[in-house]
Protein backbone atom coordinates (compact mmCIF):
# COMPACT_ATOMS: atom_id res chain seq x y z
CA UNK A 1 -7.76 -28.87 1.95
CA UNK A 2 -5.18 -26.28 0.84
CA UNK A 3 -5.10 -23.11 2.62
CA UNK A 4 -5.24 -20.97 -0.28
CA UNK A 5 -8.18 -22.71 -1.99
CA UNK A 6 -10.27 -22.10 1.11
CA UNK A 7 -9.03 -18.65 1.56
CA UNK A 8 -10.39 -18.47 -2.35
CA UNK A 9 -13.70 -19.91 -1.32
CA UNK A 10 -13.75 -17.34 1.51
CA UNK A 11 -13.26 -13.98 -0.44
CA UNK A 12 -15.57 -15.42 -3.22
CA UNK A 13 -18.58 -16.00 -0.67
CA UNK A 14 -18.08 -13.35 1.94
CA UNK A 15 -16.28 -10.42 -0.08
CA UNK A 16 -17.72 -11.17 -3.54
CA UNK A 17 -13.92 -11.67 -5.05
CA UNK A 18 -13.58 -14.05 -7.37
CA UNK A 19 -9.71 -15.05 -7.04
CA UNK A 20 -8.22 -18.54 -7.86
CA UNK A 21 -6.32 -20.05 -5.31
CA UNK A 22 -3.16 -19.78 -7.75
CA UNK A 23 -3.39 -16.08 -7.28
CA UNK A 24 -3.05 -15.66 -3.90
CA UNK A 25 0.31 -15.30 -1.91
CA UNK A 26 0.05 -15.99 1.82
CA UNK A 27 3.45 -14.57 3.50
CA UNK A 28 4.46 -14.74 7.49
CA UNK A 29 2.93 -11.28 7.86
CA UNK A 30 2.31 -7.95 6.73
CA UNK A 31 6.09 -6.71 6.59
CA UNK A 32 6.27 -9.82 4.46
CA UNK A 33 3.80 -8.68 2.14
CA UNK A 34 4.67 -5.07 1.53
CA UNK A 35 8.60 -6.41 1.07
CA UNK A 36 7.32 -8.73 -1.54
CA UNK A 37 5.48 -6.07 -3.18
CA UNK A 38 7.79 -3.36 -3.01
CA UNK A 39 10.62 -5.70 -4.63
CA UNK A 40 7.80 -6.21 -7.59
CA UNK A 41 6.53 -3.04 -8.25
CA UNK A 42 9.16 -0.57 -6.70
CA UNK A 43 12.37 0.62 -8.95
CA UNK A 44 15.25 2.62 -6.88
CA UNK A 45 14.28 6.46 -7.09
CA UNK A 46 10.20 5.77 -7.43
CA UNK A 47 8.39 8.36 -5.43
CA UNK A 48 5.81 6.26 -3.22
CA UNK A 49 3.14 8.42 -1.66
CA UNK A 50 1.51 6.92 1.75
CA UNK A 51 -0.74 8.40 4.11
CA UNK A 52 0.78 10.49 6.80
CA UNK A 53 0.76 9.38 10.34
CA UNK A 54 1.88 5.75 8.20
CA UNK A 55 3.07 2.20 8.84
CA UNK A 56 6.89 2.68 9.78
CA UNK A 57 7.19 -1.03 8.23
CA UNK A 58 6.53 -0.04 4.59
CA UNK A 59 8.35 2.84 4.99
CA UNK A 60 11.29 0.84 5.73
CA UNK A 61 10.97 -1.78 3.20
CA UNK A 62 10.19 1.01 0.37
CA UNK A 63 13.44 2.69 1.68
CA UNK A 64 15.47 -0.04 1.21
CA UNK A 65 14.63 0.12 -2.12
CA UNK A 66 15.53 2.76 -3.13
CA UNK A 67 12.09 4.71 -3.03
CA UNK A 68 11.60 8.23 -1.57
CA UNK A 69 9.04 8.30 0.32
CA UNK A 70 6.33 11.69 0.80
CA UNK A 71 3.42 11.56 3.48
CA UNK A 72 0.16 12.91 2.80
CA UNK A 73 -1.71 14.14 6.07
CA UNK A 74 -4.56 11.93 6.81
CA UNK A 75 -8.11 13.07 8.28
CA UNK A 76 -11.30 11.05 9.91
CA UNK A 77 -11.85 10.11 6.13
CA UNK A 78 -8.16 8.64 5.01
CA UNK A 79 -5.67 10.45 3.07
CA UNK A 80 -6.45 13.77 2.22
CA UNK A 81 -7.15 13.70 -1.22
CA UNK A 82 -7.10 17.23 -1.83
CA UNK A 83 -3.46 17.17 -0.43
CA UNK A 84 -2.54 14.08 -2.79
CA UNK A 85 -3.96 16.08 -6.46
CA UNK A 86 -1.70 19.01 -4.80
CA UNK A 87 1.23 16.82 -4.64
CA UNK A 88 0.85 14.75 -7.63
CA UNK A 89 0.36 18.09 -9.75
CA UNK A 90 3.51 19.38 -8.16
CA UNK A 91 5.69 16.15 -8.74
CA UNK A 92 3.91 16.09 -12.58
CA UNK A 93 5.21 19.90 -13.01
CA UNK A 94 9.09 18.70 -11.56
CA UNK A 95 8.69 15.82 -14.28
CA UNK A 96 8.42 13.04 -11.72
CA UNK A 97 5.44 10.83 -11.32
CA UNK A 98 4.33 8.66 -8.55
CA UNK A 99 4.58 4.82 -9.30
CA UNK A 100 2.30 3.93 -5.86
CA UNK A 101 -0.18 5.49 -3.57
CA UNK A 102 -1.32 3.68 0.02
CA UNK A 103 -4.26 5.35 0.92
CA UNK A 104 -5.58 3.11 3.60
CA UNK A 105 -3.13 1.70 6.35
CA UNK A 106 -2.59 -1.97 5.81
CA UNK A 107 -5.56 -4.10 6.39
CA UNK A 108 -7.58 -0.86 6.95
CA UNK A 109 -6.33 -0.96 10.47
CA UNK A 110 -8.13 2.01 12.18
CA UNK A 111 -6.00 4.73 13.17
CA UNK A 112 -5.74 5.70 16.73
CA UNK A 113 -6.60 8.94 18.18
CA UNK A 114 -4.88 10.48 20.75
């Protein structure tokens, strides 16, 4: 069977997501997926809000596409939504809107603590 068909079955059985095999895109890795998404969703000058610390390859991919990266501090629960709300209001007051927000790290990778 085709890998995408098997992933479709897996996602429905274990995650409850009904996704057809035609809706699944397989990439070489996370960076390739981020680059592909960025090319589809980001225009030069767009603002991308991400958690800080953040995945360096997402920053590089998005900056290559002309996006401005804005980091929001994270805590043990993820992105600080209070600071995210403040930043969104600030951007809106300046006539700017965020086109993307990545509140969680790719694949929900746990954050390391020092």
